[in-house]
């Protein structure tokens, strides 16, 4: 009896394997592989009169690495009438087919299937494939951009952030801008906090938070996918939300003031430099060249100042700047302007607590004149002004006489 039961179970197991193999061979149709180059467009439609899901694989073989291809990008565009398709990604067609088979005979749930991607970034220097499983007609276009401006902009942004991280980390305006931006983006945390107050039981709240993060991620994904539609449809609400959260964030930043702790400033600087290096690394798919740029930037940033100043000094000696000679009117105007500026600075210093007025007054002959100068009156007396104008007129008369004498001698 026991032997018969084992035999029946073995036969059933063999039968299940045979039926599974038959179903596998009948359900998964053979895929079609398309190798595409720059500018290629492939039109795909159902092969049979009865629509049936078919897998088509689109591959790009990649190009050799080179410095001229540092900012190269390869994009695959899918023009599908709806979102009724499933895509698979892999380094070759075998991996894509395996993912297709695994997905076809397994339980899977994709909560982000409402708005699917129709543009895929491919690796420009390696073979990469995209598989599309659908029963409708669609077209696929491969676009190759030799100089991707977004990658070049990312490189320039990374260099600027890295080089100016030291100054930006101490800039008060930068602190306020970052605080306002963080407040606008993190305002959703206030909503989560208010919702958490409605559930006093900790265990129940943990369950809500554990299950709720999936909903939060789903909502954020939907917001990101439909960001342009949301901004165009609810422009007024988005504007007022941004203004309200921005003003609230500014008030909080103004209340607490800018960051003054030197260690916190160093942490901000290091974080900004790390972000800059990450931007440089992500600006190119040619990872060796990106790492070379990072090494050159680090070496340039840590060079001694005397090594940096030596080429500048040599250049100034080799090519000295042209000196602009001032005219008499320009010289007079600059003298008046600089004198007024220096007198104003002196007046402010004498009025400040840093100046000991009594100590200076003991050394002066006319203390009343010094006090009048601090209160805003002229630093010259009427006699001094008259004497100065008389001397200027005398010099001008002598110059005119000299000019007349030279003219008469020439005649």
Protein backbone atom coordinates (compact mmCIF):
# COMPACT_ATOMS: atom_id res chain seq x y z
CA UNK A 1 0.00 0.00 0.00
CA UNK A 2 2.83 2.38 0.90
CA UNK A 3 4.65 1.50 -2.35
CA UNK A 4 1.54 2.25 -4.41
CA UNK A 5 1.11 5.64 -2.75
CA UNK A 6 4.71 6.56 -3.52
CA UNK A 7 4.26 5.48 -7.12
CA UNK A 8 1.08 7.58 -7.50
CA UNK A 9 2.78 10.66 -6.01
CA UNK A 10 5.78 10.22 -8.32
CA UNK A 11 3.53 9.92 -11.38
CA UNK A 12 1.60 13.02 -10.37
CA UNK A 13 4.83 14.96 -9.87
CA UNK A 14 6.12 13.90 -13.31
CA UNK A 15 2.79 14.84 -14.87
CA UNK A 16 2.90 18.31 -13.25
CA UNK A 17 6.43 18.85 -14.58
CA UNK A 18 5.39 17.80 -18.10
CA UNK A 19 2.29 20.01 -18.04
CA UNK A 20 4.31 22.96 -16.72
CA UNK A 21 6.85 22.51 -19.49
CA UNK A 22 4.10 22.33 -22.12
CA UNK A 23 2.42 25.44 -20.69
CA UNK A 24 5.74 27.24 -20.59
CA UNK A 25 6.50 26.45 -24.21
CA UNK A 26 3.00 27.38 -25.33
CA UNK A 27 2.53 30.52 -23.22
CA UNK A 28 5.92 32.21 -23.79
CA UNK A 29 6.32 32.98 -27.45
CA UNK A 30 9.80 33.37 -28.92
CA UNK A 31 11.14 36.93 -28.73
CA UNK A 32 12.45 39.09 -31.59
CA UNK A 33 15.72 40.97 -31.12
CA UNK A 34 16.35 44.32 -32.87
CA UNK A 35 19.84 45.83 -32.84
CA UNK A 36 19.51 49.57 -33.29
CA UNK A 37 21.90 52.36 -34.20
CA UNK A 38 21.70 56.14 -34.08
CA UNK A 39 18.44 57.47 -35.53
CA UNK A 40 16.85 54.05 -36.12
CA UNK A 41 13.07 53.68 -35.76
CA UNK A 42 11.37 50.29 -35.51
CA UNK A 43 7.63 49.79 -36.05
CA UNK A 44 6.21 46.78 -34.19
CA UNK A 45 2.74 45.31 -34.66
CA UNK A 46 0.92 42.06 -33.84
CA UNK A 47 2.00 39.17 -36.08
CA UNK A 48 -1.34 37.34 -35.94
CA UNK A 49 -4.87 38.49 -36.65
CA UNK A 50 -5.73 37.81 -33.02
CA UNK A 51 -3.83 40.24 -30.74
CA UNK A 52 -1.39 38.38 -28.53
CA UNK A 53 1.26 39.63 -26.17
CA UNK A 54 4.68 39.34 -27.76
CA UNK A 55 8.13 40.17 -26.47
CA UNK A 56 10.39 42.35 -28.62
CA UNK A 57 13.91 43.16 -27.47
CA UNK A 58 15.72 46.33 -28.58
CA UNK A 59 19.48 46.43 -28.05
CA UNK A 60 22.28 48.93 -28.53
CA UNK A 61 25.77 47.46 -28.88
CA UNK A 62 27.60 50.52 -27.54
CA UNK A 63 30.57 52.42 -28.94
CA UNK A 64 34.27 52.49 -27.99
CA UNK A 65 35.23 54.76 -25.14
CA UNK A 66 36.93 58.04 -25.96
CA UNK A 67 37.49 61.53 -24.59
CA UNK A 68 35.25 62.99 -27.31
CA UNK A 69 32.42 60.77 -26.05
CA UNK A 70 32.59 61.90 -22.42
CA UNK A 71 29.17 63.58 -22.53
CA UNK A 72 27.49 61.08 -24.84
CA UNK A 73 23.97 59.92 -24.03
CA UNK A 74 21.82 57.21 -25.62
CA UNK A 75 18.05 57.32 -25.15
CA UNK A 76 15.38 54.84 -26.26
CA UNK A 77 11.94 56.40 -26.85
CA UNK A 78 8.79 54.24 -26.92
CA UNK A 79 5.73 55.59 -28.71
CA UNK A 80 2.92 53.42 -27.30
CA UNK A 81 -0.77 54.38 -27.51
CA UNK A 82 -1.38 53.38 -23.88
CA UNK A 83 0.37 52.03 -20.79
CA UNK A 84 -0.63 48.42 -21.49
CA UNK A 85 2.91 47.09 -21.75
CA UNK A 86 5.62 45.61 -19.57
CA UNK A 87 9.30 46.47 -19.98
CA UNK A 88 12.39 44.53 -18.95
CA UNK A 89 15.96 45.82 -18.75
CA UNK A 90 19.22 43.90 -18.98
CA UNK A 91 22.77 43.90 -20.36
CA UNK A 92 21.86 41.41 -23.12
CA UNK A 93 18.87 39.66 -24.65
CA UNK A 94 19.36 36.48 -22.58
CA UNK A 95 18.91 38.35 -19.32
CA UNK A 96 15.85 40.16 -20.67
CA UNK A 97 14.25 36.88 -21.78
CA UNK A 98 14.96 35.33 -18.38
CA UNK A 99 13.30 38.28 -16.61
CA UNK A 100 10.33 37.93 -18.93
CA UNK A 101 9.94 34.23 -18.16
CA UNK A 102 10.37 34.78 -14.41
CA UNK A 103 7.80 37.55 -14.41
CA UNK A 104 5.34 35.55 -16.53
CA UNK A 105 5.30 32.60 -14.14
CA UNK A 106 5.48 34.38 -10.81
CA UNK A 107 3.23 36.52 -8.68
CA UNK A 108 4.19 40.16 -9.03
CA UNK A 109 2.55 43.40 -8.03
CA UNK A 110 3.74 46.77 -9.26
CA UNK A 111 2.00 49.64 -7.50
CA UNK A 112 3.63 52.14 -9.87
CA UNK A 113 2.11 50.71 -13.04
CA UNK A 114 -0.29 53.61 -13.50
CA UNK A 115 2.16 55.86 -15.33
CA UNK A 116 4.96 53.92 -16.97
CA UNK A 117 8.17 55.23 -18.38
CA UNK A 118 8.42 55.64 -22.13
CA UNK A 119 12.01 56.90 -22.22
CA UNK A 120 14.97 54.78 -21.16
CA UNK A 121 18.60 55.79 -20.71
CA UNK A 122 20.95 53.16 -22.15
CA UNK A 123 24.63 52.66 -21.40
CA UNK A 124 26.53 54.26 -24.30
CA UNK A 125 29.71 52.16 -23.99
CA UNK A 126 28.23 48.74 -23.15
CA UNK A 127 25.58 46.56 -24.70
CA UNK A 128 22.19 47.18 -23.12
CA UNK A 129 18.73 45.88 -24.01
CA UNK A 130 15.13 46.81 -23.33
CA UNK A 131 12.32 44.27 -23.74
CA UNK A 132 8.73 45.35 -24.45
CA UNK A 133 5.88 42.88 -23.87
CA UNK A 134 2.55 44.05 -25.28
CA UNK A 135 -0.21 43.08 -27.70
CA UNK A 136 -0.59 46.47 -29.42
CA UNK A 137 1.29 48.26 -32.16
CA UNK A 138 3.98 50.73 -31.19
CA UNK A 139 7.23 52.26 -32.42
CA UNK A 140 10.68 52.58 -30.89
CA UNK A 141 13.25 55.28 -31.70
CA UNK A 142 16.92 55.39 -30.65
CA UNK A 143 18.40 58.84 -30.12
CA UNK A 144 22.17 59.39 -29.66
CA UNK A 145 23.33 62.83 -28.46
CA UNK A 146 27.05 63.49 -28.90
CA UNK A 147 27.10 66.42 -26.49
CA UNK A 148 24.44 66.22 -23.83
CA UNK A 149 24.07 69.75 -22.46
CA UNK A 150 22.46 68.50 -19.26
CA UNK A 151 25.55 66.40 -18.47
CA UNK A 152 27.83 69.34 -19.30
CA UNK A 153 25.73 71.58 -17.05
CA UNK A 154 25.96 68.97 -14.28
CA UNK A 155 29.76 68.99 -14.63
CA UNK A 156 30.00 72.79 -14.44
CA UNK A 157 27.63 72.85 -11.46
CA UNK A 158 29.70 70.24 -9.63
CA UNK A 159 32.94 72.20 -10.19
CA UNK A 160 31.38 75.48 -9.02
CA UNK A 161 29.82 73.88 -5.91
CA UNK A 162 33.13 72.21 -4.99
CA UNK A 163 35.32 75.28 -5.52
CA UNK A 164 32.98 77.74 -3.76
CA UNK A 165 31.84 75.43 -0.94
CA UNK A 166 34.11 77.24 1.53
CA UNK A 167 32.54 80.65 0.80
CA UNK A 168 28.98 79.42 0.45
CA UNK A 169 29.07 77.57 3.77
CA UNK A 170 29.76 80.91 5.52
CA UNK A 171 27.34 82.99 3.46
CA UNK A 172 24.25 84.13 5.38
CA UNK A 173 22.13 84.48 2.23
CA UNK A 174 22.97 80.91 1.25
CA UNK A 175 21.91 79.70 4.70
CA UNK A 176 18.53 81.40 4.37
CA UNK A 177 17.95 80.09 0.84
CA UNK A 178 18.77 76.52 1.87
CA UNK A 179 16.53 76.83 4.93
CA UNK A 180 13.61 78.12 2.85
CA UNK A 181 14.05 75.39 0.22
CA UNK A 182 14.26 72.70 2.90
CA UNK A 183 11.18 74.08 4.62
CA UNK A 184 9.15 74.00 1.41
CA UNK A 185 10.16 70.41 0.64
CA UNK A 186 9.82 69.12 4.22
CA UNK A 187 6.41 70.60 4.90
CA UNK A 188 4.90 67.14 4.35
CA UNK A 189 6.54 66.05 7.61
CA UNK A 190 4.25 68.44 9.48
CA UNK A 191 1.25 66.64 8.02
CA UNK A 192 2.68 63.27 9.08
CA UNK A 193 3.26 64.64 12.59
CA UNK A 194 -0.30 65.96 12.86
CA UNK A 195 -1.70 62.64 11.66
CA UNK A 196 0.44 60.78 14.22
CA UNK A 197 -1.17 62.81 17.03
CA UNK A 198 -4.53 61.34 16.09
CA UNK A 199 -3.35 57.82 17.02
CA UNK A 200 -2.28 57.73 20.67
CA UNK A 201 -1.55 54.00 20.72
CA UNK A 202 2.07 53.41 19.85
CA UNK A 203 1.70 49.89 18.48
CA UNK A 204 -1.17 50.93 16.27
CA UNK A 205 0.79 53.97 15.13
CA UNK A 206 3.79 51.82 14.21
CA UNK A 207 1.55 49.66 12.07
CA UNK A 208 0.05 52.73 10.40
CA UNK A 209 3.50 54.15 9.72
CA UNK A 210 4.82 50.82 8.43
CA UNK A 211 1.94 50.31 6.03
CA UNK A 212 1.57 54.02 5.34
CA UNK A 213 5.04 54.55 3.89
CA UNK A 214 4.02 52.46 0.89
CA UNK A 215 1.13 54.83 0.29
CA UNK A 216 3.41 57.85 0.82
CA UNK A 217 5.93 56.52 -1.70
CA UNK A 218 3.14 55.81 -4.14
CA UNK A 219 1.76 59.35 -3.74
CA UNK A 220 5.23 60.90 -4.18
CA UNK A 221 5.79 58.78 -7.29
CA UNK A 222 2.46 59.87 -8.74
CA UNK A 223 3.22 63.51 -7.92
CA UNK A 224 6.61 63.30 -9.61
CA UNK A 225 5.22 61.60 -12.71
CA UNK A 226 2.41 64.13 -13.02
CA UNK A 227 4.35 67.18 -11.80
CA UNK A 228 3.88 69.17 -15.00
CA UNK A 229 0.15 68.41 -15.12
CA UNK A 230 -0.29 69.37 -11.46
CA UNK A 231 1.55 72.68 -11.88
CA UNK A 232 -0.46 73.60 -15.00
CA UNK A 233 -3.82 72.54 -13.54
CA UNK A 234 -3.39 73.81 -9.97
CA UNK A 235 -1.01 76.68 -10.60
CA UNK A 236 -2.66 79.03 -8.11
CA UNK A 237 -2.67 76.49 -5.27
CA UNK A 238 0.96 75.54 -5.94
CA UNK A 239 1.98 79.21 -5.96
CA UNK A 240 0.24 80.02 -2.66
CA UNK A 241 1.55 76.82 -1.04
CA UNK A 242 5.11 77.73 -2.06
CA UNK A 243 4.72 81.33 -0.86
CA UNK A 244 3.18 80.33 2.50
CA UNK A 245 5.74 77.62 3.31
CA UNK A 246 8.57 79.86 2.08
CA UNK A 247 7.52 82.75 4.33
CA UNK A 248 7.13 80.40 7.31
CA UNK A 249 10.56 78.89 6.66
CA UNK A 250 12.12 82.36 6.41
CA UNK A 251 10.57 83.38 9.73
CA UNK A 252 11.97 80.28 11.43
CA UNK A 253 15.40 80.80 9.88
CA UNK A 254 15.38 84.48 10.94
CA UNK A 255 14.32 83.50 14.45
CA UNK A 256 17.20 81.08 14.94
CA UNK A 257 19.67 83.11 12.86
CA UNK A 258 22.43 81.90 10.53
CA UNK A 259 24.82 79.12 11.51
CA UNK A 260 27.86 80.35 13.47
CA UNK A 261 29.36 77.16 14.89
CA UNK A 262 32.64 76.53 13.00
CA UNK A 263 32.26 72.75 13.18
CA UNK A 264 28.77 72.92 11.70
CA UNK A 265 30.09 75.19 8.96
CA UNK A 266 32.83 72.65 8.21
CA UNK A 267 30.26 69.86 7.99
CA UNK A 268 28.22 71.95 5.54
CA UNK A 269 31.35 72.65 3.47
CA UNK A 270 32.34 68.98 3.35
CA UNK A 271 28.81 67.96 2.42
CA UNK A 272 28.71 70.51 -0.41
CA UNK A 273 32.10 69.33 -1.70
CA UNK A 274 30.86 65.75 -1.63
CA UNK A 275 27.76 66.79 -3.60
CA UNK A 276 29.98 68.60 -6.12
CA UNK A 277 32.18 65.52 -6.61
CA UNK A 278 29.08 63.34 -6.98
CA UNK A 279 27.75 65.69 -9.68
CA UNK A 280 31.08 65.47 -11.54
CA UNK A 281 31.04 61.66 -11.32
CA UNK A 282 27.45 61.44 -12.57
CA UNK A 283 28.07 63.92 -15.40
CA UNK A 284 29.59 61.24 -17.63
CA UNK A 285 29.08 57.53 -18.28
CA UNK A 286 32.80 57.31 -19.01
CA UNK A 287 33.68 56.55 -15.39
CA UNK A 288 37.46 56.53 -15.90
CA UNK A 289 37.39 60.04 -17.37
CA UNK A 290 35.04 61.23 -14.61
CA UNK A 291 37.41 59.93 -11.94
CA UNK A 292 40.30 61.62 -13.74
CA UNK A 293 38.43 64.93 -13.59
CA UNK A 294 37.85 64.45 -9.87
CA UNK A 295 41.55 63.71 -9.24
CA UNK A 296 42.64 66.79 -11.24
CA UNK A 297 40.14 68.96 -9.34
CA UNK A 298 41.35 67.69 -5.96
CA UNK A 299 44.99 68.28 -6.91
CA UNK A 300 44.21 71.81 -8.13
CA UNK A 301 42.21 72.63 -5.00
CA UNK A 302 44.98 71.48 -2.64
CA UNK A 303 47.91 73.15 -4.45
CA UNK A 304 49.99 75.54 -2.28
CA UNK A 305 49.20 79.22 -2.80
CA UNK A 306 52.76 80.07 -3.80
CA UNK A 307 52.57 77.56 -6.66
CA UNK A 308 49.36 79.19 -7.84
CA UNK A 309 50.75 82.72 -7.49
CA UNK A 310 54.00 81.99 -9.36
CA UNK A 311 52.42 81.67 -12.86
CA UNK A 312 50.36 84.82 -12.27
CA UNK A 313 53.47 86.80 -11.25
CA UNK A 314 55.41 85.54 -14.27
CA UNK A 315 52.53 86.44 -16.59
CA UNK A 316 52.33 89.98 -15.19
CA UNK A 317 56.07 90.43 -15.63
CA UNK A 318 56.00 89.02 -19.14
CA UNK A 319 52.88 90.91 -20.19
CA UNK A 320 52.49 93.92 -17.86
CA UNK A 321 49.09 95.57 -17.91
CA UNK A 322 48.73 98.86 -19.73
CA UNK A 323 48.77 101.88 -17.45
CA UNK A 324 46.08 104.44 -18.14
CA UNK A 325 47.25 108.02 -17.71
CA UNK A 326 44.72 110.35 -16.10
CA UNK A 327 43.92 113.76 -17.47
CA UNK A 328 43.92 116.86 -15.25
CA UNK A 329 40.13 116.80 -14.94
CA UNK A 330 40.05 113.08 -14.08
CA UNK A 331 42.86 113.60 -11.55
CA UNK A 332 40.97 116.46 -9.91
CA UNK A 333 37.68 114.49 -9.77
CA UNK A 334 39.35 111.42 -8.28
CA UNK A 335 41.12 113.56 -5.69
CA UNK A 336 37.86 115.19 -4.63
CA UNK A 337 36.06 111.85 -4.48
CA UNK A 338 38.75 110.01 -2.50
CA UNK A 339 39.22 112.93 -0.11
CA UNK A 340 35.51 113.04 0.68
CA UNK A 341 35.46 109.27 1.20
CA UNK A 342 38.48 109.36 3.54
CA UNK A 343 37.02 112.25 5.54
CA UNK A 344 33.74 110.40 5.99
CA UNK A 345 35.58 107.28 7.21
CA UNK A 346 37.58 109.41 9.62
CA UNK A 347 34.41 111.08 10.91
CA UNK A 348 32.79 107.65 11.53
CA UNK A 349 35.88 106.38 13.34
CA UNK A 350 36.02 109.44 15.58
CA UNK A 351 32.33 108.96 16.46
CA UNK A 352 32.71 105.25 17.23
CA UNK A 353 33.46 103.78 20.69
CA UNK A 354 36.84 102.57 19.41
CA UNK A 355 38.16 106.16 19.29
CA UNK A 356 39.26 107.88 22.51
CA UNK A 357 38.13 111.46 21.77
CA UNK A 358 39.62 112.92 24.96
CA UNK A 359 43.03 111.52 24.17
CA UNK A 360 42.96 113.09 20.71
CA UNK A 361 41.56 116.37 22.08
CA UNK A 362 44.54 116.75 24.40
CA UNK A 363 46.88 116.73 21.41
CA UNK A 364 44.92 119.30 19.36
CA UNK A 365 45.24 123.07 19.42
CA UNK A 366 41.63 123.75 18.38
CA UNK A 367 39.30 121.29 20.13
CA UNK A 368 36.20 123.19 18.99
CA UNK A 369 37.17 122.75 15.36
CA UNK A 370 37.64 118.99 15.93
CA UNK A 371 34.18 118.72 17.51
CA UNK A 372 32.63 120.66 14.63
CA UNK A 373 34.28 118.28 12.15
CA UNK A 374 32.81 115.25 13.95
CA UNK A 375 29.35 116.86 13.85
CA UNK A 376 29.55 117.16 10.05
CA UNK A 377 31.04 120.56 9.30
CA UNK A 378 33.89 121.14 6.85
CA UNK A 379 37.44 120.33 7.89
CA UNK A 380 38.71 123.58 6.30
CA UNK A 381 38.23 127.14 7.52
CA UNK A 382 37.24 130.05 5.31
CA UNK A 383 40.79 131.47 5.32
CA UNK A 384 42.24 128.12 4.23
CA UNK A 385 39.73 127.83 1.39
CA UNK A 386 40.51 131.38 0.23
CA UNK A 387 44.25 130.75 0.36
CA UNK A 388 43.85 127.50 -1.62
CA UNK A 389 41.77 129.17 -4.35
CA UNK A 390 44.26 132.07 -4.60
CA UNK A 391 47.17 129.64 -5.04
CA UNK A 392 45.27 127.69 -7.71
CA UNK A 393 44.51 130.90 -9.62
CA UNK A 394 48.17 131.92 -9.42
CA UNK A 395 49.30 128.57 -10.82
CA UNK A 396 46.77 128.81 -13.64
CA UNK A 397 47.96 132.37 -14.46
CA UNK A 398 51.58 131.24 -14.59
CA UNK A 399 50.67 128.34 -16.88
CA UNK A 400 48.79 130.71 -19.21
CA UNK A 401 51.78 133.09 -19.28
CA UNK A 402 54.09 130.20 -20.11
CA UNK A 403 51.80 129.11 -22.94
CA UNK A 404 51.69 132.64 -24.36
CA UNK A 405 55.49 132.90 -24.19
CA UNK A 406 55.93 129.57 -25.99
CA UNK A 407 53.47 130.62 -28.70
CA UNK A 408 55.28 133.95 -29.21
CA UNK A 409 58.64 132.20 -29.48
CA UNK A 410 57.27 129.83 -32.11
CA UNK A 411 55.93 132.76 -34.12
